[in-house]
C-alpha atoms as a PDB file:
ATOM      1  CA  MET A   1     -79.096-134.906 -34.866  1.00  0.00           C
ATOM      2  CA  ALA A   2     -79.251-132.907 -38.053  1.00  0.00           C
ATOM      3  CA  LEU A   3     -82.507-131.888 -39.653  1.00  0.00           C
ATOM      4  CA  PHE A   4     -82.368-132.105 -43.419  1.00  0.00           C
ATOM      5  CA  VAL A   5     -85.146-130.734 -45.565  1.00  0.00           C
ATOM      6  CA  SER A   6     -84.837-130.828 -49.301  1.00  0.00           C
ATOM      7  CA  LEU A   7     -85.562-127.677 -51.242  1.00  0.00           C
ATOM      8  CA  ARG A   8     -88.530-129.330 -52.919  1.00  0.00           C
ATOM      9  CA  SER A   9     -90.210-130.322 -49.640  1.00  0.00           C
ATOM     10  CA  PHE A  10     -89.416-126.875 -48.229  1.00  0.00           C
ATOM     11  CA  ALA A  11     -91.110-125.236 -51.211  1.00  0.00           C
ATOM     12  CA  GLU A  12     -94.161-127.500 -50.782  1.00  0.00           C
ATOM     13  CA  LEU A  13     -94.388-126.651 -47.094  1.00  0.00           C
ATOM     14  CA  ARG A  14     -94.095-122.932 -47.841  1.00  0.00           C
ATOM     15  CA  ARG A  15     -96.812-123.177 -50.520  1.00  0.00           C
ATOM     16  CA  SER A  16     -99.219-125.021 -48.214  1.00  0.00           C
ATOM     17  CA  PHE A  17     -98.505-122.600 -45.376  1.00  0.00           C
ATOM     18  CA  LEU A  18     -99.223-119.612 -47.641  1.00  0.00           C
ATOM     19  CA  LEU A  19    -102.448-121.252 -48.784  1.00  0.00           C
ATOM     20  CA  ILE A  20    -103.545-121.718 -45.169  1.00  0.00           C
ATOM     21  CA  ILE A  21    -102.806-118.055 -44.450  1.00  0.00           C
ATOM     22  CA  ARG A  22    -104.843-116.939 -47.495  1.00  0.00           C
ATOM     23  CA  VAL A  23    -107.817-119.070 -46.475  1.00  0.00           C
ATOM     24  CA  HIS A  24    -107.653-117.740 -42.930  1.00  0.00           C
ATOM     25  CA  LYS A  25    -107.501-114.123 -44.127  1.00  0.00           C
ATOM     26  CA  LEU A  26    -110.403-114.730 -46.510  1.00  0.00           C
ATOM     27  CA  SER A  27    -112.573-116.291 -43.806  1.00  0.00           C
ATOM     28  CA  LYS A  28    -111.607-113.522 -41.387  1.00  0.00           C
ATOM     29  CA  THR A  29    -112.621-110.790 -43.834  1.00  0.00           C
ATOM     30  CA  ARG A  30    -115.893-112.581 -44.533  1.00  0.00           C
ATOM     31  CA  MET A  31    -116.607-112.720 -40.828  1.00  0.00           C
ATOM     32  CA  GLU A  32    -115.769-109.047 -40.345  1.00  0.00           C
ATOM     33  CA  THR A  33    -117.903-107.857 -43.260  1.00  0.00           C
ATOM     34  CA  GLY A  34    -120.755-110.245 -42.507  1.00  0.00           C
ATOM     35  CA  VAL A  35    -120.513-111.959 -45.900  1.00  0.00           C
ATOM     36  CA  HIS A  36    -121.856-115.469 -45.869  1.00  0.00           C
ATOM     37  CA  HIS A  37    -120.903-118.374 -48.157  1.00  0.00           C
ATOM     38  CA  ALA A  38    -123.299-117.311 -50.900  1.00  0.00           C
ATOM     39  CA  GLY A  39    -122.034-113.742 -50.777  1.00  0.00           C
ATOM     40  CA  HIS A  40    -125.009-112.389 -48.812  1.00  0.00           C
ATOM     41  CA  ARG A  41    -124.946-110.666 -45.503  1.00  0.00           C
ATOM     42  CA  TYR A  42    -125.983-113.012 -42.746  1.00  0.00           C
ATOM     43  CA  ASN A  43    -129.214-111.881 -41.038  1.00  0.00           C
ATOM     44  CA  PHE A  44    -129.044-108.573 -42.852  1.00  0.00           C
ATOM     45  CA  TYR A  45    -132.769-108.334 -43.592  1.00  0.00           C
ATOM     46  CA  VAL A  46    -134.106-109.787 -40.340  1.00  0.00           C
ATOM     47  CA  ALA A  47    -135.791-107.255 -38.096  1.00  0.00           C
ATOM     48  CA  ARG A  48    -134.580-107.050 -34.543  1.00  0.00           C
ATOM     49  CA  GLY A  49    -136.884-108.235 -31.796  1.00  0.00           C
ATOM     50  CA  TRP A  50    -139.202-110.438 -33.860  1.00  0.00           C
ATOM     51  CA  GLU A  51    -138.546-113.318 -31.455  1.00  0.00           C
ATOM     52  CA  SER A  52    -139.741-111.310 -28.473  1.00  0.00           C
ATOM     53  CA  LYS A  53    -142.970-110.388 -30.267  1.00  0.00           C
ATOM     54  CA  SER A  54    -143.685-114.054 -30.889  1.00  0.00           C
ATOM     55  CA  VAL A  55    -143.017-114.856 -27.242  1.00  0.00           C
ATOM     56  CA  GLU A  56    -145.350-112.069 -26.142  1.00  0.00           C
ATOM     57  CA  GLU A  57    -148.102-113.450 -28.373  1.00  0.00           C
ATOM     58  CA  GLN A  58    -147.640-116.946 -26.983  1.00  0.00           C
ATOM     59  CA  GLN A  59    -147.789-115.679 -23.412  1.00  0.00           C
ATOM     60  CA  ALA A  60    -150.925-113.666 -24.156  1.00  0.00           C
ATOM     61  CA  GLN A  61    -152.601-116.743 -25.661  1.00  0.00           C
ATOM     62  CA  ALA A  62    -151.644-118.867 -22.671  1.00  0.00           C
ATOM     63  CA  VAL A  63    -153.228-116.355 -20.296  1.00  0.00           C
ATOM     64  CA  SER A  64    -156.394-115.949 -22.360  1.00  0.00           C
ATOM     65  CA  ILE A  65    -157.145-119.697 -22.667  1.00  0.00           C
ATOM     66  CA  PRO A  66    -158.457-120.993 -19.353  1.00  0.00           C
ATOM     67  CA  SER A  67    -157.167-124.384 -18.302  1.00  0.00           C
ATOM     68  CA  PRO A  68    -159.547-126.876 -16.718  1.00  0.00           C
ATOM     69  CA  ALA A  69    -159.448-126.744 -12.947  1.00  0.00           C
ATOM     70  CA  LYS A  70    -157.804-129.775 -11.397  1.00  0.00           C
ATOM     71  CA  LEU A  71    -158.820-131.090  -8.031  1.00  0.00           C
ATOM     72  CA  PRO A  72    -156.015-131.297  -5.481  1.00  0.00           C
ATOM     73  CA  LEU A  73    -154.737-134.811  -4.931  1.00  0.00           C
ATOM     74  CA  ASN A  74    -154.576-136.449  -1.552  1.00  0.00           C
ATOM     75  CA  PRO A  75    -151.283-137.975  -0.342  1.00  0.00           C
ATOM     76  CA  ALA A  76    -152.381-141.521  -1.222  1.00  0.00           C
ATOM     77  CA  GLN A  77    -153.073-140.518  -4.830  1.00  0.00           C
ATOM     78  CA  ILE A  78    -149.739-138.743  -5.078  1.00  0.00           C
ATOM     79  CA  ALA A  79    -147.954-141.822  -3.728  1.00  0.00           C
ATOM     80  CA  GLY A  80    -149.794-144.018  -6.231  1.00  0.00           C
ATOM     81  CA  GLN A  81    -148.773-141.767  -9.114  1.00  0.00           C
ATOM     82  CA  ARG A  82    -145.162-141.798  -7.992  1.00  0.00           C
ATOM     83  CA  ARG A  83    -145.181-145.586  -7.659  1.00  0.00           C
ATOM     84  CA  ARG A  84    -146.680-145.951 -11.135  1.00  0.00           C
ATOM     85  CA  GLN A  85    -144.100-143.578 -12.626  1.00  0.00           C
ATOM     86  CA  GLY A  86    -141.317-145.548 -10.948  1.00  0.00           C
ATOM     87  CA  LEU A  87    -142.689-148.797 -12.374  1.00  0.00           C
ATOM     88  CA  MET A  88    -142.895-147.263 -15.859  1.00  0.00           C
ATOM     89  CA  LEU A  89    -139.274-146.070 -15.641  1.00  0.00           C
ATOM     90  CA  SER A  90    -138.166-149.499 -14.461  1.00  0.00           C
ATOM     91  CA  ARG A  91    -140.043-151.106 -17.337  1.00  0.00           C
ATOM     92  CA  GLN A  92    -138.338-148.813 -19.876  1.00  0.00           C
ATOM     93  CA  TYR A  93    -134.950-149.647 -18.334  1.00  0.00           C
ATOM     94  CA  VAL A  94    -135.592-153.395 -18.566  1.00  0.00           C
ATOM     95  CA  LEU A  95    -136.729-153.042 -22.185  1.00  0.00           C
ATOM     96  CA  ARG A  96    -133.511-151.187 -23.085  1.00  0.00           C
ATOM     97  CA  GLN A  97    -131.479-153.926 -21.423  1.00  0.00           C
ATOM     98  CA  LEU A  98    -133.418-156.585 -23.312  1.00  0.00           C
ATOM     99  CA  GLU A  99    -132.473-154.969 -26.625  1.00  0.00           C
ATOM    100  CA  ALA A 100    -128.759-155.225 -25.840  1.00  0.00           C
ATOM    101  CA  VAL A 101    -128.533-158.502 -23.915  1.00  0.00           C
ATOM    102  CA  GLN A 102    -126.460-161.366 -25.376  1.00  0.00           C
ATOM    103  CA  ASN A 103    -126.625-164.035 -22.684  1.00  0.00           C
ATOM    104  CA  PRO A 104    -129.771-166.214 -22.918  1.00  0.00           C
ATOM    105  CA  ARG A 105    -129.926-166.696 -19.113  1.00  0.00           C
ATOM    106  CA  HIS A 106    -129.794-162.954 -18.566  1.00  0.00           C
ATOM    107  CA  ARG A 107    -132.522-162.553 -21.213  1.00  0.00           C
ATOM    108  CA  GLU A 108    -134.771-164.954 -19.261  1.00  0.00           C
ATOM    109  CA  ILE A 109    -134.222-163.017 -16.037  1.00  0.00           C
ATOM    110  CA  LEU A 110    -135.051-159.730 -17.757  1.00  0.00           C
ATOM    111  CA  GLN A 111    -138.193-161.189 -19.359  1.00  0.00           C
ATOM    112  CA  SER A 112    -139.421-162.438 -16.001  1.00  0.00           C
ATOM    113  CA  ALA A 113    -138.698-159.017 -14.481  1.00  0.00           C
ATOM    114  CA  LEU A 114    -140.646-157.386 -17.310  1.00  0.00           C
ATOM    115  CA  ALA A 115    -143.599-159.725 -16.725  1.00  0.00           C
ATOM    116  CA  ASP A 116    -143.500-158.899 -12.995  1.00  0.00           C
ATOM    117  CA  LEU A 117    -143.456-155.153 -13.720  1.00  0.00           C
ATOM    118  CA  ASP A 118    -146.402-155.541 -16.094  1.00  0.00           C
ATOM    119  CA  THR A 119    -148.453-157.339 -13.431  1.00  0.00           C
ATOM    120  CA  GLN A 120    -147.604-154.637 -10.866  1.00  0.00           C
ATOM    121  CA  LEU A 121    -148.648-151.943 -13.352  1.00  0.00           C
ATOM    122  CA  ALA A 122    -151.934-153.740 -14.032  1.00  0.00           C
ATOM    123  CA  GLN A 123    -152.633-153.952 -10.308  1.00  0.00           C
ATOM    124  CA  SER A 124    -151.873-150.276  -9.723  1.00  0.00           C
ATOM    125  CA  VAL A 125    -154.566-149.103 -12.153  1.00  0.00           C
END
């Protein structure tokens, strides 16, 4: 099998290849010198460590503000909270399925499941 390339298509390929090389060299020199698109050095004027100072301030504020003391929960209360959270997650899941459902029979089943979850949530309060 012989590969034939006309001189015109060869010249076009060479031109596009040279253009790609120029763009690559230009972007490489910009990256090396730190020149950004607008011709400015990226992060040239930003002081080092300003983020850590902000974090230190936030930690100091968190320590200085007392949080209200919470009473420890008994195992029954913890179980109730977990059950309620599980019901809420199930309810969100059913709502997401209701948004995407196409079959009317499946929609009815999901609506009845949602009603059942709502009654269980009302009873758990």
